[in-house]
Protein backbone atom coordinates (compact mmCIF):
# COMPACT_ATOMS: atom_id res chain seq x y z
CA MET A 1 -56.39 22.62 -0.55
CA ARG A 2 -54.58 19.42 1.50
CA ALA A 3 -52.72 19.23 -1.57
CA GLY A 4 -51.79 22.26 -1.71
CA ALA A 5 -50.68 22.68 1.84
CA ILE A 6 -48.27 20.25 1.26
CA VAL A 7 -46.40 21.72 -1.87
CA GLY A 8 -46.92 25.30 0.38
CA ALA A 9 -44.85 23.25 3.15
CA PHE A 10 -41.95 21.48 1.10
CA LEU A 11 -41.52 25.18 -1.13
CA THR A 12 -40.88 26.43 2.85
CA PHE A 13 -38.62 23.88 4.39
CA ALA A 14 -37.05 22.36 1.24
CA PRO A 15 -34.52 25.51 0.43
CA ALA A 16 -34.20 25.94 4.51
CA TYR A 17 -32.97 21.65 4.70
CA PHE A 18 -30.63 21.84 1.88
CA THR A 19 -29.17 24.72 3.34
CA GLY A 20 -28.31 23.69 6.32
CA ARG A 21 -26.96 20.30 5.20
CA HIS A 22 -24.99 22.77 2.43
CA ASP A 23 -23.81 24.45 5.59
CA ALA A 24 -22.87 21.19 8.06
CA ASN A 25 -20.67 19.56 4.76
CA GLN A 26 -18.86 22.94 4.42
CA ALA A 27 -18.76 22.37 7.91
CA SER A 28 -17.01 18.97 8.09
CA ALA A 29 -14.86 19.57 4.35
CA THR A 30 -13.20 22.68 6.86
CA VAL A 31 -12.69 20.72 9.79
CA ALA A 32 -11.13 17.63 7.64
CA LEU A 33 -8.90 20.59 6.11
CA GLU A 34 -7.39 21.76 9.33
CA ASN A 35 -6.95 18.13 10.74
CA SER A 36 -4.71 17.51 7.61
CA VAL A 37 -2.49 21.09 7.67
CA ARG A 38 -2.48 20.08 11.17
CA VAL A 39 -0.28 17.22 10.75
CA LEU A 40 1.23 18.13 7.46
CA ARG A 41 2.48 20.89 9.79
CA LYS A 42 3.65 18.15 12.45
CA ARG A 43 5.39 16.04 9.27
CA ASN A 44 6.86 18.80 8.22
CA GLN A 45 8.51 19.96 11.85
CA ILE A 46 9.78 15.51 12.66
CA ASN A 47 11.38 15.78 8.55
CA ASP A 48 13.48 19.09 9.76
CA GLU A 49 14.39 17.71 13.19
CA VAL A 50 15.74 14.79 10.99
CA SER A 51 17.37 16.63 8.22
CA ALA A 52 19.34 18.89 11.11
CA SER A 53 20.07 15.59 12.94
CA ASP A 54 23.15 13.73 13.05
CA ALA A 55 23.94 10.82 10.91
CA ALA A 56 25.98 9.15 14.74
CA ALA A 57 22.42 9.51 16.10
CA ILE A 58 20.32 8.77 13.46
CA CYS A 59 21.66 5.08 13.04
CA GLY A 60 22.45 4.74 16.56
CA CYS A 61 18.81 4.78 17.18
CA TYR A 62 19.18 1.51 14.81
CA GLY A 63 21.15 -0.92 17.61
CA LEU A 64 23.33 -1.86 15.24
CA SER A 65 26.86 -3.30 16.06
CA VAL A 66 29.60 -0.83 16.25
CA ASP A 67 31.35 -1.94 12.37
CA VAL A 68 28.13 -1.11 11.41
CA GLU A 69 27.12 1.67 12.77
CA ALA A 70 29.78 3.01 11.23
CA GLU A 71 29.53 2.15 7.93
CA CYS A 72 25.88 3.57 8.56
CA VAL A 73 27.14 6.39 9.56
CA ARG A 74 28.91 6.89 6.22
CA ARG A 75 25.89 6.22 4.09
CA VAL A 76 23.99 8.45 6.29
CA ARG A 77 26.40 11.61 5.81
CA GLU A 78 27.06 10.44 1.87
CA ALA A 79 23.15 10.15 1.25
CA ALA A 80 22.29 13.48 2.34
CA ALA A 81 19.62 14.34 0.25
CA GLU A 82 19.68 18.46 -1.22
CA LEU A 83 16.91 19.88 -1.86
CA GLN A 84 16.46 19.59 -5.35
CA THR A 85 16.65 15.68 -4.71
CA THR A 86 13.78 16.58 -2.18
CA VAL A 87 11.14 18.46 -4.48
CA THR A 88 11.79 15.41 -7.76
CA ILE A 89 11.11 12.99 -4.94
CA LEU A 90 7.81 14.95 -3.70
CA LYS A 91 6.54 16.03 -7.27
CA THR A 92 8.11 12.51 -8.68
CA ASP A 93 7.31 9.63 -6.45
CA ARG A 94 5.14 11.02 -3.77
CA LEU A 95 4.62 7.06 -1.98
CA PHE A 96 8.11 6.98 -1.25
CA ALA A 97 8.07 10.39 -0.29
CA ASP A 98 5.56 9.29 2.32
CA GLN A 99 6.96 6.75 3.15
CA VAL A 100 10.46 8.04 4.52
CA SER A 101 8.12 10.94 5.94
CA THR A 102 6.37 7.81 8.19
CA HIS A 103 9.99 6.89 8.63
CA ASN A 104 10.73 9.91 10.20
CA CYS A 105 7.77 10.46 12.46
CA PHE A 106 8.49 7.18 13.94
CA GLY A 107 11.74 7.62 14.75
CA ALA A 108 10.83 10.66 16.41
CA SER A 109 7.87 8.71 18.46
CA GLN A 110 10.75 6.57 19.69
CA GLY A 111 13.22 9.24 20.93
CA CYS A 112 15.65 8.55 17.93
CA TRP A 113 15.73 11.94 16.79
């Protein structure tokens, strides 16, 4: 009788336990996904700001001497990425793309662009 009660209780409460656990896991995954989307949107916004920035403003943020800053401006203008280049880098070298994005976020946080 006692063993039957224990088995009955287990069969009654086990599905509820696992359903609750599944719901909690789903909620955690949803929160993590929402945070990822928020971070990616912010990163894209900063990348757009940097892409639209003037080369002189970007180089001016580094505190370079006048001679070196002129060379920096020339190189930044020369290195302006085409859309296809950006897509290729994102597909083939995600680590580098993330490093560029981190650099852009830091520059934005310092008020450089």
